[in-house]
Amino acid sequence: MLLHSHGADILRVKGMLNVGTGSGPVVVHGVQHLVHPPDHLPQWPDDDRSSRIIFIVRDLSHDLIERSLAAFIRLGAPPLVEA
């Protein structure tokens, strides 16, 4: 969503994500509006299993990026089921 809305100002994005499947992380790469297919690594490079993502941007606030990521997480969450 962030790349779609602000791709011209996102010079680079890359990260390793712990998606909870398999033994290794999913690696993501993007440049402006271009997002490469994710790579599924067979194992983590070290003992740190936390997700990490880096944005190199022009004229975008830290707050805007955090709000965009929070919205993405909310949209990807499974719906609540009431009993």
N, C-alpha and C. Protein backbone atom coordinates (compact mmCIF):
# COMPACT_ATOMS: atom_id res chain seq x y z
N MET A 1 0.83 -1.19 0.00
CA MET A 1 0.00 0.00 0.00
C MET A 1 0.87 1.25 0.00
N LEU A 2 1.92 1.21 0.79
CA LEU A 2 2.81 2.36 0.88
C LEU A 2 3.52 2.60 -0.45
N LEU A 3 3.99 1.53 -1.08
CA LEU A 3 4.65 1.67 -2.37
C LEU A 3 3.69 2.17 -3.43
N HIS A 4 2.46 1.74 -3.37
CA HIS A 4 1.46 2.19 -4.35
C HIS A 4 1.19 3.69 -4.20
N SER A 5 1.07 4.15 -2.97
CA SER A 5 0.73 5.55 -2.71
C SER A 5 1.92 6.49 -2.81
N HIS A 6 3.11 6.04 -2.44
CA HIS A 6 4.27 6.92 -2.33
C HIS A 6 5.51 6.34 -3.00
N GLY A 7 5.33 5.50 -4.00
CA GLY A 7 6.44 4.80 -4.62
C GLY A 7 7.56 5.68 -5.12
N ALA A 8 7.23 6.85 -5.64
CA ALA A 8 8.26 7.75 -6.17
C ALA A 8 9.19 8.24 -5.06
N ASP A 9 8.70 8.24 -3.82
CA ASP A 9 9.52 8.71 -2.70
C ASP A 9 10.12 7.58 -1.87
N ILE A 10 9.85 6.35 -2.27
CA ILE A 10 10.47 5.21 -1.60
C ILE A 10 11.59 4.71 -2.50
N LEU A 11 12.79 5.06 -2.12
CA LEU A 11 13.93 4.72 -2.96
C LEU A 11 14.27 3.24 -2.87
N ARG A 12 14.08 2.65 -1.68
CA ARG A 12 14.43 1.23 -1.50
C ARG A 12 13.73 0.73 -0.26
N VAL A 13 13.28 -0.51 -0.31
CA VAL A 13 12.77 -1.19 0.87
C VAL A 13 13.29 -2.62 0.82
N LYS A 14 13.75 -3.11 1.96
CA LYS A 14 14.23 -4.49 2.03
C LYS A 14 14.05 -4.99 3.45
N GLY A 15 13.86 -6.28 3.56
CA GLY A 15 13.68 -6.81 4.90
C GLY A 15 13.63 -8.32 4.93
N MET A 16 13.72 -8.83 6.15
CA MET A 16 13.55 -10.26 6.43
C MET A 16 12.37 -10.37 7.37
N LEU A 17 11.40 -11.19 6.99
CA LEU A 17 10.16 -11.28 7.76
C LEU A 17 9.96 -12.68 8.30
N ASN A 18 9.62 -12.74 9.57
CA ASN A 18 9.27 -14.02 10.20
C ASN A 18 7.77 -14.19 10.03
N VAL A 19 7.38 -15.00 9.08
CA VAL A 19 5.95 -15.20 8.79
C VAL A 19 5.41 -16.45 9.46
N GLY A 20 6.24 -17.13 10.23
CA GLY A 20 5.78 -18.27 11.01
C GLY A 20 5.60 -19.56 10.24
N THR A 21 6.09 -19.60 9.00
CA THR A 21 6.00 -20.84 8.23
C THR A 21 7.41 -21.24 7.81
N GLY A 22 7.67 -22.49 7.76
CA GLY A 22 8.99 -22.96 7.34
C GLY A 22 10.06 -22.65 8.37
N SER A 23 11.28 -22.93 8.00
CA SER A 23 12.37 -22.74 8.96
C SER A 23 13.11 -21.42 8.78
N GLY A 24 12.93 -20.75 7.64
CA GLY A 24 13.67 -19.52 7.38
C GLY A 24 12.76 -18.34 7.14
N PRO A 25 13.36 -17.16 6.96
CA PRO A 25 12.58 -15.95 6.75
C PRO A 25 12.15 -15.78 5.30
N VAL A 26 11.24 -14.86 5.11
CA VAL A 26 10.87 -14.41 3.77
C VAL A 26 11.60 -13.08 3.57
N VAL A 27 12.34 -12.98 2.49
CA VAL A 27 13.10 -11.76 2.19
C VAL A 27 12.34 -10.96 1.15
N VAL A 28 12.15 -9.66 1.43
CA VAL A 28 11.43 -8.77 0.51
C VAL A 28 12.35 -7.66 0.02
N HIS A 29 12.16 -7.25 -1.24
CA HIS A 29 12.94 -6.19 -1.86
C HIS A 29 12.00 -5.34 -2.70
N GLY A 30 12.18 -4.04 -2.65
CA GLY A 30 11.40 -3.15 -3.49
C GLY A 30 12.17 -1.90 -3.82
N VAL A 31 11.92 -1.35 -5.00
CA VAL A 31 12.51 -0.09 -5.44
C VAL A 31 11.39 0.72 -6.07
N GLN A 32 11.07 1.85 -5.43
CA GLN A 32 9.97 2.71 -5.87
C GLN A 32 8.70 1.86 -6.07
N HIS A 33 8.09 1.86 -7.24
CA HIS A 33 6.85 1.11 -7.45
C HIS A 33 7.09 -0.37 -7.77
N LEU A 34 8.32 -0.78 -7.90
CA LEU A 34 8.64 -2.16 -8.27
C LEU A 34 8.92 -3.00 -7.03
N VAL A 35 8.15 -4.05 -6.86
CA VAL A 35 8.36 -4.99 -5.76
C VAL A 35 8.73 -6.34 -6.36
N HIS A 36 9.86 -6.85 -5.97
CA HIS A 36 10.32 -8.14 -6.47
C HIS A 36 9.59 -9.27 -5.76
N PRO A 37 9.47 -10.42 -6.38
CA PRO A 37 8.85 -11.56 -5.69
C PRO A 37 9.64 -11.90 -4.42
N PRO A 38 8.95 -12.27 -3.36
CA PRO A 38 9.65 -12.61 -2.12
C PRO A 38 10.49 -13.87 -2.28
N ASP A 39 11.60 -13.90 -1.55
CA ASP A 39 12.47 -15.08 -1.51
C ASP A 39 12.25 -15.79 -0.17
N HIS A 40 12.06 -17.09 -0.22
CA HIS A 40 11.91 -17.88 1.00
C HIS A 40 13.24 -18.56 1.27
N LEU A 41 13.93 -18.12 2.31
CA LEU A 41 15.23 -18.70 2.65
C LEU A 41 15.04 -19.98 3.45
N PRO A 42 15.91 -20.95 3.26
CA PRO A 42 15.77 -22.23 3.97
C PRO A 42 16.08 -22.11 5.46
N GLN A 43 16.86 -21.09 5.86
CA GLN A 43 17.19 -20.93 7.28
C GLN A 43 17.55 -19.47 7.55
N TRP A 44 17.51 -19.11 8.83
CA TRP A 44 17.89 -17.77 9.26
C TRP A 44 19.41 -17.66 9.26
N PRO A 45 19.96 -16.47 9.00
CA PRO A 45 21.42 -16.31 8.98
C PRO A 45 22.04 -16.33 10.38
N ASP A 46 21.22 -16.11 11.43
CA ASP A 46 21.73 -16.13 12.81
C ASP A 46 20.57 -16.52 13.73
N ASP A 47 20.76 -16.36 15.03
CA ASP A 47 19.74 -16.78 15.99
C ASP A 47 18.60 -15.77 16.15
N ASP A 48 18.74 -14.57 15.61
CA ASP A 48 17.70 -13.54 15.71
C ASP A 48 16.58 -13.86 14.72
N ARG A 49 15.41 -14.20 15.22
CA ARG A 49 14.27 -14.57 14.38
C ARG A 49 13.25 -13.43 14.24
N SER A 50 13.63 -12.23 14.62
CA SER A 50 12.68 -11.12 14.54
C SER A 50 12.62 -10.56 13.12
N SER A 51 11.42 -10.10 12.76
CA SER A 51 11.25 -9.44 11.46
C SER A 51 11.94 -8.09 11.50
N ARG A 52 12.50 -7.70 10.36
CA ARG A 52 13.12 -6.38 10.26
C ARG A 52 12.98 -5.89 8.83
N ILE A 53 12.71 -4.61 8.71
CA ILE A 53 12.50 -4.03 7.40
C ILE A 53 13.10 -2.63 7.39
N ILE A 54 13.74 -2.28 6.29
CA ILE A 54 14.42 -0.99 6.16
C ILE A 54 13.80 -0.23 4.99
N PHE A 55 13.48 1.03 5.22
CA PHE A 55 12.98 1.91 4.18
C PHE A 55 13.99 3.02 3.96
N ILE A 56 14.39 3.24 2.74
CA ILE A 56 15.18 4.41 2.36
C ILE A 56 14.24 5.28 1.55
N VAL A 57 13.92 6.45 2.10
CA VAL A 57 12.85 7.28 1.53
C VAL A 57 13.32 8.72 1.32
N ARG A 58 12.49 9.43 0.58
CA ARG A 58 12.69 10.87 0.37
C ARG A 58 11.41 11.58 0.81
N ASP A 59 11.53 12.45 1.79
CA ASP A 59 10.43 13.31 2.25
C ASP A 59 9.20 12.55 2.75
N LEU A 60 9.39 11.41 3.38
CA LEU A 60 8.30 10.69 4.04
C LEU A 60 8.63 10.58 5.53
N SER A 61 7.63 10.83 6.35
CA SER A 61 7.86 10.80 7.80
C SER A 61 7.86 9.37 8.33
N HIS A 62 8.57 9.19 9.41
CA HIS A 62 8.60 7.91 10.12
C HIS A 62 7.19 7.52 10.53
N ASP A 63 6.41 8.50 10.98
CA ASP A 63 5.03 8.26 11.41
C ASP A 63 4.16 7.73 10.27
N LEU A 64 4.30 8.29 9.08
CA LEU A 64 3.53 7.82 7.92
C LEU A 64 3.84 6.35 7.62
N ILE A 65 5.09 5.99 7.66
CA ILE A 65 5.49 4.60 7.40
C ILE A 65 4.92 3.68 8.47
N GLU A 66 5.02 4.06 9.73
CA GLU A 66 4.48 3.23 10.81
C GLU A 66 2.97 3.08 10.71
N ARG A 67 2.25 4.16 10.38
CA ARG A 67 0.80 4.07 10.21
C ARG A 67 0.43 3.14 9.06
N SER A 68 1.18 3.21 7.97
CA SER A 68 0.92 2.35 6.82
C SER A 68 1.14 0.88 7.18
N LEU A 69 2.22 0.59 7.89
CA LEU A 69 2.49 -0.80 8.31
C LEU A 69 1.42 -1.30 9.27
N ALA A 70 0.96 -0.44 10.19
CA ALA A 70 -0.09 -0.82 11.13
C ALA A 70 -1.39 -1.13 10.38
N ALA A 71 -1.72 -0.34 9.38
CA ALA A 71 -2.93 -0.58 8.59
C ALA A 71 -2.81 -1.90 7.83
N PHE A 72 -1.63 -2.18 7.29
CA PHE A 72 -1.40 -3.43 6.58
C PHE A 72 -1.59 -4.62 7.50
N ILE A 73 -1.08 -4.52 8.71
CA ILE A 73 -1.21 -5.60 9.69
C ILE A 73 -2.68 -5.80 10.06
N ARG A 74 -3.41 -4.69 10.27
CA ARG A 74 -4.84 -4.81 10.60
C ARG A 74 -5.61 -5.48 9.46
N LEU A 75 -5.32 -5.11 8.22
CA LEU A 75 -6.02 -5.69 7.07
C LEU A 75 -5.70 -7.17 6.90
N GLY A 76 -4.51 -7.59 7.32
CA GLY A 76 -4.11 -8.98 7.16
C GLY A 76 -4.52 -9.86 8.31
N ALA A 77 -5.03 -9.26 9.38
CA ALA A 77 -5.43 -10.06 10.55
C ALA A 77 -6.70 -10.85 10.24
N PRO A 78 -6.81 -12.06 10.77
CA PRO A 78 -8.03 -12.83 10.54
C PRO A 78 -9.21 -12.14 11.22
N PRO A 79 -10.41 -12.25 10.64
CA PRO A 79 -11.58 -11.60 11.26
C PRO A 79 -11.91 -12.22 12.60
N LEU A 80 -12.42 -11.38 13.50
CA LEU A 80 -12.84 -11.88 14.81
C LEU A 80 -14.15 -12.63 14.65
N VAL A 81 -14.24 -13.75 15.31
CA VAL A 81 -15.46 -14.56 15.26
C VAL A 81 -16.08 -14.52 16.63
N GLU A 82 -17.32 -14.06 16.70
CA GLU A 82 -18.02 -14.02 17.98
C GLU A 82 -18.74 -15.33 18.21
N ALA A 83 -18.67 -15.82 19.43
CA ALA A 83 -19.34 -17.09 19.78
C ALA A 83 -20.76 -16.84 20.20
